[in-house]
Protein backbone atom coordinates (compact mmCIF):
# COMPACT_ATOMS: atom_id res chain seq x y z
CA PRO A 1 23.36 35.36 77.20
CA ARG A 2 20.56 34.64 74.81
CA LYS A 3 19.18 36.47 72.06
CA ALA A 4 15.55 37.31 72.02
CA GLY A 5 13.91 34.82 69.43
CA GLY A 6 17.04 32.60 68.91
CA MET A 7 15.44 29.58 67.95
CA ALA A 8 12.79 31.05 66.05
CA ALA A 9 15.43 33.06 64.15
CA ALA A 10 17.26 30.33 63.45
CA ALA A 11 14.36 28.59 62.17
CA ALA A 12 13.03 31.50 60.17
CA SER A 13 16.63 31.76 58.53
CA ALA A 14 16.67 27.66 57.84
CA ALA A 15 13.28 28.08 56.25
CA PRO A 16 14.39 29.53 52.80
CA LEU A 17 17.14 26.73 52.61
CA LEU A 18 14.80 24.07 53.48
CA GLY A 19 12.20 25.48 51.05
CA GLU A 20 15.13 25.17 48.39
CA ALA A 21 16.25 21.49 49.19
CA ALA A 22 12.44 20.69 48.86
CA LYS A 23 12.10 22.26 45.68
CA LYS A 24 15.40 20.50 44.48
CA LYS A 25 13.99 17.03 45.83
CA LYS A 26 10.78 17.47 44.05
CA LYS A 27 12.45 18.74 41.02
CA ASP A 28 14.87 15.75 40.78
CA LYS A 29 11.52 13.46 41.22
CA GLY A 30 9.92 15.36 38.40
CA ASN A 31 12.91 14.26 36.16
CA LYS A 32 12.83 11.20 37.17
CA ASP A 33 9.18 10.71 36.43
CA ASP A 34 10.12 12.55 33.00
CA ASP A 35 12.51 10.05 32.49
CA ILE A 36 10.43 6.96 33.21
CA LYS A 37 7.63 8.52 30.89
CA THR A 38 10.21 8.87 28.22
CA HIS A 39 11.73 5.42 28.26
CA MET A 40 8.31 4.04 28.22
CA ALA A 41 7.25 6.43 25.20
CA ASN A 42 10.37 4.87 23.59
CA GLU A 43 9.37 1.29 24.20
CA ARG A 44 6.05 2.12 22.81
CA THR A 45 7.46 4.01 19.80
CA PHE A 46 9.56 0.43 19.07
CA PHE A 47 6.30 -1.64 19.43
CA LYS A 48 4.60 0.34 17.12
CA TRP A 49 7.54 -0.40 14.47
CA LEU A 50 7.38 -3.96 15.33
CA PHE A 51 3.68 -4.09 14.76
CA PHE A 52 4.24 -2.67 11.33
CA GLY A 53 6.98 -5.02 10.13
CA PHE A 54 4.59 -7.63 10.76
CA HIS A 55 1.64 -6.11 9.38
CA LEU A 56 3.67 -5.53 6.08
CA GLY A 57 5.01 -9.24 6.18
CA ALA A 58 1.22 -10.30 6.55
CA LEU A 59 0.30 -8.59 3.24
CA GLY A 60 3.07 -10.85 2.07
CA THR A 61 1.73 -13.85 3.65
CA PHE A 62 -1.65 -12.61 2.15
CA ILE A 63 -0.09 -13.23 -1.27
CA LEU A 64 0.50 -16.85 -0.33
CA THR A 65 -3.01 -17.48 0.92
CA PHE A 66 -5.10 -15.95 -1.67
CA PHE A 67 -3.81 -16.30 -4.92
CA ALA A 68 -3.30 -19.67 -6.83
CA PRO A 69 -0.31 -21.93 -6.07
CA GLY A 70 0.98 -22.14 -9.20
CA SER A 71 1.45 -18.30 -9.87
CA PRO A 72 4.72 -17.45 -11.42
CA GLY A 73 6.86 -15.63 -9.06
CA ARG A 74 4.27 -15.40 -6.05
CA VAL A 75 7.20 -17.05 -3.64
CA TRP A 76 9.90 -14.33 -4.65
CA MET A 77 7.29 -11.44 -4.09
CA VAL A 78 6.29 -12.80 -0.93
CA LEU A 79 10.17 -13.04 0.06
CA PHE A 80 10.66 -9.56 -0.96
CA ILE A 81 7.76 -8.22 1.07
CA TRP A 82 9.28 -10.06 4.18
CA LEU A 83 12.62 -8.93 3.68
CA VAL A 84 10.96 -5.40 3.68
CA ALA A 85 9.08 -6.11 6.70
CA PHE A 86 12.25 -7.20 8.52
CA PHE A 87 14.07 -4.28 7.71
CA PHE A 88 11.45 -2.20 9.46
CA ILE A 89 11.54 -4.52 12.40
CA TYR A 90 15.30 -4.18 12.78
CA TYR A 91 15.11 -0.37 11.64
CA GLY A 92 12.88 0.31 14.70
CA LEU A 93 14.98 -2.02 16.92
CA PHE A 94 18.18 -0.04 15.91
CA ARG A 95 16.22 3.31 16.54
CA TYR A 96 14.89 2.08 19.91
CA PHE A 97 18.94 1.64 21.24
CA GLU A 98 19.72 4.83 19.66
CA ARG A 99 17.29 6.76 21.57
CA ARG A 100 17.83 4.65 24.63
CA HIS A 101 21.43 5.70 24.59
CA ALA A 102 20.74 9.14 24.29
CA LEU A 103 18.02 9.23 26.96
CA ARG A 104 20.83 7.66 29.53
CA GLN A 105 23.27 10.22 28.30
CA GLY A 106 20.85 12.97 29.07
CA LEU A 107 20.96 14.21 25.60
CA ARG A 108 17.48 16.23 25.15
CA ASP A 109 18.35 17.97 21.76
CA PRO A 110 16.22 16.48 19.01
CA GLN A 111 19.01 15.94 16.69
CA ASP A 112 19.64 12.81 19.04
CA TRP A 113 16.42 11.37 18.65
CA ASP A 114 14.28 12.93 15.78
CA ASP A 115 13.77 10.68 13.19
CA PRO A 116 12.09 12.36 10.42
CA ALA A 117 12.71 10.02 7.53
CA GLY A 118 11.08 6.78 9.45
CA PRO A 119 7.21 8.06 8.74
CA ALA A 120 7.97 8.69 5.09
CA MET A 121 9.84 5.25 4.86
CA MET A 122 6.87 3.51 6.31
CA ALA A 123 4.24 5.27 4.00
CA ALA A 124 6.28 4.68 0.92
CA ALA A 125 6.96 0.85 1.52
CA MET A 126 3.05 0.03 2.25
CA VAL A 127 2.12 2.09 -0.65
CA ILE A 128 5.14 0.14 -2.60
CA VAL A 129 3.89 -3.31 -1.15
CA VAL A 130 0.03 -2.42 -2.03
CA CYS A 131 0.80 -1.30 -5.78
CA VAL A 132 3.18 -4.52 -5.98
CA ILE A 133 0.07 -6.69 -4.88
CA ILE A 134 -2.37 -4.96 -7.17
CA GLY A 135 -0.12 -5.20 -10.04
CA TYR A 136 0.76 -8.77 -9.47
CA ALA A 137 -2.98 -9.75 -9.45
CA ALA A 138 -3.38 -7.59 -12.88
CA LEU A 139 -0.51 -9.05 -14.48
CA THR A 140 -1.34 -12.71 -13.60
CA GLY A 141 -4.99 -12.04 -14.19
CA GLN A 142 -5.96 -13.34 -10.99
CA VAL A 143 -8.85 -12.18 -8.51
CA PRO A 144 -7.86 -13.05 -4.67
CA SER A 145 -10.42 -15.59 -3.47
CA LYS A 146 -10.81 -16.86 0.06
CA LYS A 147 -10.44 -20.40 -0.77
CA GLY A 148 -6.81 -19.91 -1.94
CA LEU A 149 -7.34 -21.04 -5.13
CA ALA A 150 -7.76 -17.77 -7.26
CA ALA A 151 -10.09 -17.74 -10.16
CA PRO A 152 -8.87 -16.11 -13.29
CA ALA A 153 -10.02 -12.60 -13.65
CA PRO A 154 -13.80 -12.57 -15.26
CA ALA A 155 -13.27 -11.81 -19.04
CA PRO A 156 -14.98 -8.53 -20.24
CA ALA A 157 -18.33 -9.23 -21.84
CA PRO A 158 -18.42 -9.10 -25.75
CA PRO A 159 -19.64 -5.64 -26.71
CA GLN A 160 -23.40 -5.53 -27.83
CA THR A 161 -24.07 -4.64 -31.62
């Protein structure tokens, strides 16, 4: 004998299970989308480190371009600035792979990916490089010029008496 509403009752009792499965599937998809966004953010962060390194190196190249070729220590200062620039490029690459590993392991704790010292190092490096360039111009008595041959700094006007 069939029970009244047998199919309907079975469908009604299965509905919550289907709802849970649908929610679980949706949750898994949400995590996948989250992972894609997080991985893409990690790549964007790496590119920002890369761009910063090359901008820092461009400041070093500025010295070669805008100061006189015979300036003492010019090449050593440029090499130093490019070494600092490559440090930031490789540091960004290291942090990228470190975060990528943490993401693949499912580590969501900020200790696994946080980098509080990175921005401070970037700011300090930029200030130091700019101060070195300004100090170099002041010590050599040169003013950067667009022609590549820097003119000596203008002598101060004699005092009027």
